[in-house]
Amino acid sequence: MSRNRVIGGALAAGATTIALAATALGAVGTAEAQPTLHQVSSRAMPFGSVVRYQQEIGGVPVYGGQLVRTLDREGKVMATLGKTTRRSTGQFPASPAGADTAALADVARSSGLALSELTADTPQPYWYDTTLGGARGESVAVPSYQVVVRGTRADQKWTEVVKAGSNEVLTSWSEVREALNRDVCDANRQMVSNQFSGIRCGSKFTVTRREGGAQSSVADVNNVYNFFGDASKFYADKVGVDLTDLLGVDFGDGTGKALRGTVRICVPNYPCPYLNAFWNGEQMGFGEGVTTDDVTGHELTHGVTQHTSGLGGGQAASLNEGISDVFGKFIALTANDPNSTGANRWNLGAGTSLGVIRNMKDPRSSKKPQPDRVNGPGWDTNNPDEHINDGVVNKADYLITDGDTFNGQTVRGLGIDKAVQVWWGVENLLTPSATFPDLGKALNSSCSALAQNGTAGITADDCTQVANAVKATQLDQDPA
């Protein structure tokens, strides 16, 4: 799966993995299969590296059961973050029969779509422990199947977690995140309603502007082409990541692996032009006039998260949105986007046909008000809209970058360059089922690792400011 992709220079697992499994888990699990941990990725970081380990039981992964180690340049362990299940119960049946039917029925119920409009991918086995995502109670993993369900539109894709051997849906979430080699296609307001592949640039639609090609007569095509370039430059210059290599896809159209986006799409049951943008797991889809640096950077960062921490479901879905807001805004600010100057410095969506969507400096004043601290006004731990609680992430970013006095804490801003490095560490330290307190720990751990190695000029006092921002936004509290 994409969340287990190995990126960067690999470190040897061997005895390290065995030792970690022993100390982190002890003698837990079932008599049939003991939990184990194995290395799934390693990424070079400015302070050294981060190494990610996946928990498995009987060769089947535990969803969200991951540990992430930060190592200095000499390979010394500085911190270990993440969570693993304590024990498991039950067994997988001989086949996943019925899981796809249960998943389809649940999506039909929640979305209002007819079963004839939905298709299900092959169920994939996972152990599932609700406490890894922040639920209270005993840590116990049960056998389950993850089923990806797709609608007829390009912006309809869900993951359903079905308890094995039953039709009980344990949880579900949307996989569509609503915003070098670049390919940009123009749908020219064509209705895209024919399965997930309906927006594929270079397959369904002919490439309007490819890398190094002449400008298009369509402003949205040129804008997306330029914004792809800004995002690619940011990730390459600031954190050493090649976006085309990480997120590019080859549709066999002769242009090779490329960042791809289709603009001016229209979708059924929405006004045309479509006023939204999204990342669907392989490329970007844009309505008309919704192309700015921060929106494009936001959506592309969903792709980055897909290939790093893999955040999904529950509180992790809100963290996913918040991380995308953070890096979308960083991309716009470092590209000197005129839509992110003056009063719009911390506004998302300024200059688009959507207007300002969120205010990262003051989340409570966003178009749809957001909480600015865990358990603060507007906070809802189980909010079904993942875009709401991400205001806490946005407020933390504002405080860490620019500084301010908030909720009894005074924070001296670190500036963009240092803040980027702290948040990039966070992106690589979180695990798929991370919670808001996990974000607080990751912020402090990332800054500490950078300061210990003197990276990017980050100091111990900078980490005091990060800690103050964590306290101000109450990321050190368990959600009520």
Foldseek 3Di string as FASTA:
>chain_A
DLQLAADADDDDPPPVQVVCQCVQANAAEDPVWGKGKDWRYWHQALQDIKTKIFIDTPNATAAQAMKIFDAGNVRHTDDIDGHHFHYEDDDADPAQPPQQVLVLVVCCVVVVDDSVQKDKDGWGKHWYFVVSLQDDDHRYTAIWTWIWMWGQALQGIKIWTAGHPDSDTPFMDGLKFFFQKEFEFEPPAEAQRGINCSQPDLPNTDTPDIVPGDDDPAPVRVLLVVLVVLLQCCCCVQTNDRLQVQQFDDPPNPRPTHAYEYEQYHYPPADPQDCIKIARQRYIYYGPQQRDNLRNQLRSVLSVLCNAQNADGFQSLLVNNLLSNLRSLLSCVVVVPVCCDDPNVQFPRPRGPVHTAAGLCQQCPGPPRADQAFVDPPDDRGDSDSPRPSSVSSNLLCCQAPWDDAQNFGAHHPHSSLSVQLSVQLSRRHHHSDHLLSSLVSSLSSLVSCQVSCHPVRHPVSSVRSNRSCVRRVSNDRHD
